[in-house]
Amino acid sequence: MLVSQILKTKADDSVTTVMPDMLIAEAAKMLSDKRIGTLVISTDGKTPDGILSERDIVRELGRQGSSCLEMTVESLMTRKLVTCTKNERADAILNTMTEGRFRHMPVLEDGVLIGLISLGDVVKSRLMELSMEKDALEGMIMGH
């Protein structure tokens, strides 16, 4: 299955982007309100400058306490993004996410953000794919 197919199956294919100067407290509220795990940081809303996950916030809270809530998302965001294109295969993406130990990957087309896929999205697509393969094999064995 391709990333483009995964994006089509998502109920909400929008990507929440925020400006680099947003406070961590505001970012945490946005993550909570929208029930999402990651924000893409972008000065223009099209090109990702970084990514901030709820795990990033929790780690910093553990390090320095609530004072980190007054920091900007730019100070905590991951700058070295691992991205993919819509033409990449889900199994390759799953491998990349697992090895890199991250759960969200921006999808770019010509350097422009077109989506965001999560580890859960990729696992769900692989399970659907495996189920279809199983059904096809059972059909062949049964002579259908």
Protein backbone atom coordinates (compact mmCIF):
# COMPACT_ATOMS: atom_id res chain seq x y z
CA MET A 1 0.00 0.00 0.00
CA LEU A 2 1.24 3.49 -0.84
CA VAL A 3 1.27 6.55 1.42
CA SER A 4 -1.24 8.21 -0.96
CA GLN A 5 -3.71 5.40 -0.22
CA ILE A 6 -3.18 5.79 3.53
CA LEU A 7 -3.89 9.53 3.27
CA LYS A 8 -7.18 8.80 1.45
CA THR A 9 -8.37 6.51 4.27
CA LYS A 10 -7.83 9.09 7.01
CA ALA A 11 -11.00 10.65 8.42
CA ASP A 12 -9.25 14.01 8.73
CA ASP A 13 -6.43 14.61 6.29
CA SER A 14 -5.63 18.13 7.49
CA VAL A 15 -2.32 18.88 9.17
CA THR A 16 -2.22 21.27 12.12
CA THR A 17 0.66 23.69 11.71
CA VAL A 18 1.73 26.34 14.19
CA MET A 19 4.18 29.23 14.17
CA PRO A 20 7.60 28.76 15.81
CA ASP A 21 6.89 31.42 18.44
CA MET A 22 3.85 29.63 19.92
CA LEU A 23 4.32 28.87 23.62
CA ILE A 24 4.57 25.26 24.75
CA ALA A 25 1.55 25.83 27.03
CA GLU A 26 -0.53 26.86 24.00
CA ALA A 27 0.77 23.91 22.00
CA ALA A 28 -0.13 21.48 24.80
CA LYS A 29 -3.65 22.92 24.94
CA MET A 30 -4.01 22.62 21.17
CA LEU A 31 -2.84 19.00 21.22
CA SER A 32 -5.34 18.25 23.98
CA ASP A 33 -8.25 20.14 22.39
CA LYS A 34 -7.73 18.57 18.95
CA ARG A 35 -6.90 15.14 20.42
CA ILE A 36 -3.77 14.85 18.29
CA GLY A 37 -0.22 13.81 19.14
CA THR A 38 1.88 16.12 16.99
CA LEU A 39 2.10 19.64 15.64
CA VAL A 40 4.07 20.61 12.56
CA ILE A 41 5.91 23.90 13.01
CA SER A 42 5.87 26.06 9.89
CA THR A 43 6.36 29.76 9.31
CA ASP A 44 4.39 29.65 6.05
CA GLY A 45 1.92 26.81 6.71
CA LYS A 46 3.33 24.88 3.74
CA THR A 47 6.97 24.03 4.46
CA PRO A 48 7.70 22.15 7.68
CA ASP A 49 10.42 23.72 9.84
CA GLY A 50 10.08 21.16 12.61
CA ILE A 51 7.76 18.86 14.49
CA LEU A 52 6.68 18.80 18.15
CA SER A 53 5.07 15.81 19.80
CA GLU A 54 3.32 15.40 23.11
CA ARG A 55 6.26 13.19 24.12
CA ASP A 56 8.67 16.09 23.50
CA ILE A 57 6.64 18.22 25.91
CA VAL A 58 6.41 15.51 28.58
CA ARG A 59 10.18 14.88 28.40
CA GLU A 60 10.90 18.57 28.94
CA LEU A 61 8.38 18.77 31.79
CA GLY A 62 10.28 15.92 33.42
CA ARG A 63 13.61 17.72 32.95
CA GLN A 64 12.76 21.20 34.11
CA GLY A 65 9.20 21.23 35.38
CA SER A 66 6.41 23.60 34.42
CA SER A 67 8.78 26.44 33.51
CA CYS A 68 9.13 24.83 30.07
CA LEU A 69 5.52 25.80 29.36
CA GLU A 70 6.72 29.37 28.79
CA MET A 71 9.25 28.27 26.15
CA THR A 72 8.46 28.47 22.44
CA VAL A 73 7.74 25.41 20.33
CA GLU A 74 10.80 26.31 18.26
CA SER A 75 13.03 25.64 21.26
CA LEU A 76 11.72 22.06 21.68
CA MET A 77 10.84 21.03 18.14
CA THR A 78 12.71 18.35 16.24
CA ARG A 79 14.45 20.14 13.38
CA LYS A 80 15.83 17.17 11.48
CA LEU A 81 12.61 15.88 9.99
CA VAL A 82 12.25 12.49 8.43
CA THR A 83 9.67 12.88 5.69
CA CYS A 84 8.18 10.79 2.93
CA THR A 85 6.35 11.24 -0.36
CA LYS A 86 2.92 9.96 -1.29
CA ASN A 87 4.50 7.37 -3.61
CA GLU A 88 6.39 5.49 -0.88
CA ARG A 89 5.29 2.08 0.35
CA ALA A 90 3.73 1.59 3.78
CA ASP A 91 6.06 -1.26 4.72
CA ALA A 92 9.12 0.95 4.11
CA ILE A 93 7.57 3.77 6.16
CA LEU A 94 6.77 1.34 8.99
CA ASN A 95 10.38 0.22 9.03
CA THR A 96 11.68 3.83 9.04
CA MET A 97 9.37 4.86 11.90
CA THR A 98 10.22 1.78 13.94
CA GLU A 99 13.97 2.18 13.51
CA GLY A 100 13.82 5.93 14.16
CA ARG A 101 11.50 5.48 17.15
CA PHE A 102 9.02 8.16 16.12
CA ARG A 103 5.29 8.04 15.50
CA HIS A 104 4.53 10.81 12.98
CA MET A 105 5.91 11.55 9.53
CA PRO A 106 5.15 14.57 7.36
CA VAL A 107 4.27 13.79 3.75
CA LEU A 108 5.78 16.23 1.25
CA GLU A 109 5.27 16.82 -2.44
CA ASP A 110 7.80 19.13 -4.08
CA GLY A 111 8.83 20.32 -0.60
CA VAL A 112 5.24 21.25 0.34
CA LEU A 113 3.40 19.60 3.23
CA ILE A 114 0.45 17.57 1.90
CA GLY A 115 -0.26 15.34 4.89
CA LEU A 116 0.89 13.68 8.07
CA ILE A 117 0.80 9.96 8.72
CA SER A 118 1.07 8.28 12.07
CA LEU A 119 2.44 4.92 13.03
CA GLY A 120 -1.16 3.92 13.77
CA ASP A 121 -2.22 4.89 10.23
CA VAL A 122 0.55 2.75 8.75
CA VAL A 123 -0.16 -0.24 11.01
CA LYS A 124 -3.87 -0.02 10.18
CA SER A 125 -3.11 0.00 6.45
CA ARG A 126 -0.76 -2.99 6.76
CA LEU A 127 -3.40 -4.94 8.72
CA MET A 128 -5.98 -4.19 5.99
CA GLU A 129 -3.49 -5.30 3.34
CA LEU A 130 -2.70 -8.53 5.19
CA SER A 131 -6.41 -9.25 5.67
CA MET A 132 -7.06 -8.83 1.94
CA GLU A 133 -4.11 -11.12 1.13
CA LYS A 134 -5.43 -13.74 3.57
CA ASP A 135 -8.90 -13.57 2.01
CA ALA A 136 -7.44 -13.91 -1.49
CA LEU A 137 -5.34 -16.92 -0.47
CA GLU A 138 -8.32 -18.58 1.23
CA GLY A 139 -10.36 -17.97 -1.92
CA MET A 140 -7.68 -19.59 -4.07
CA ILE A 141 -7.44 -22.61 -1.74
CA MET A 142 -11.20 -23.02 -1.66
CA GLY A 143 -11.37 -22.66 -5.44
CA HIS A 144 -13.34 -19.40 -5.58
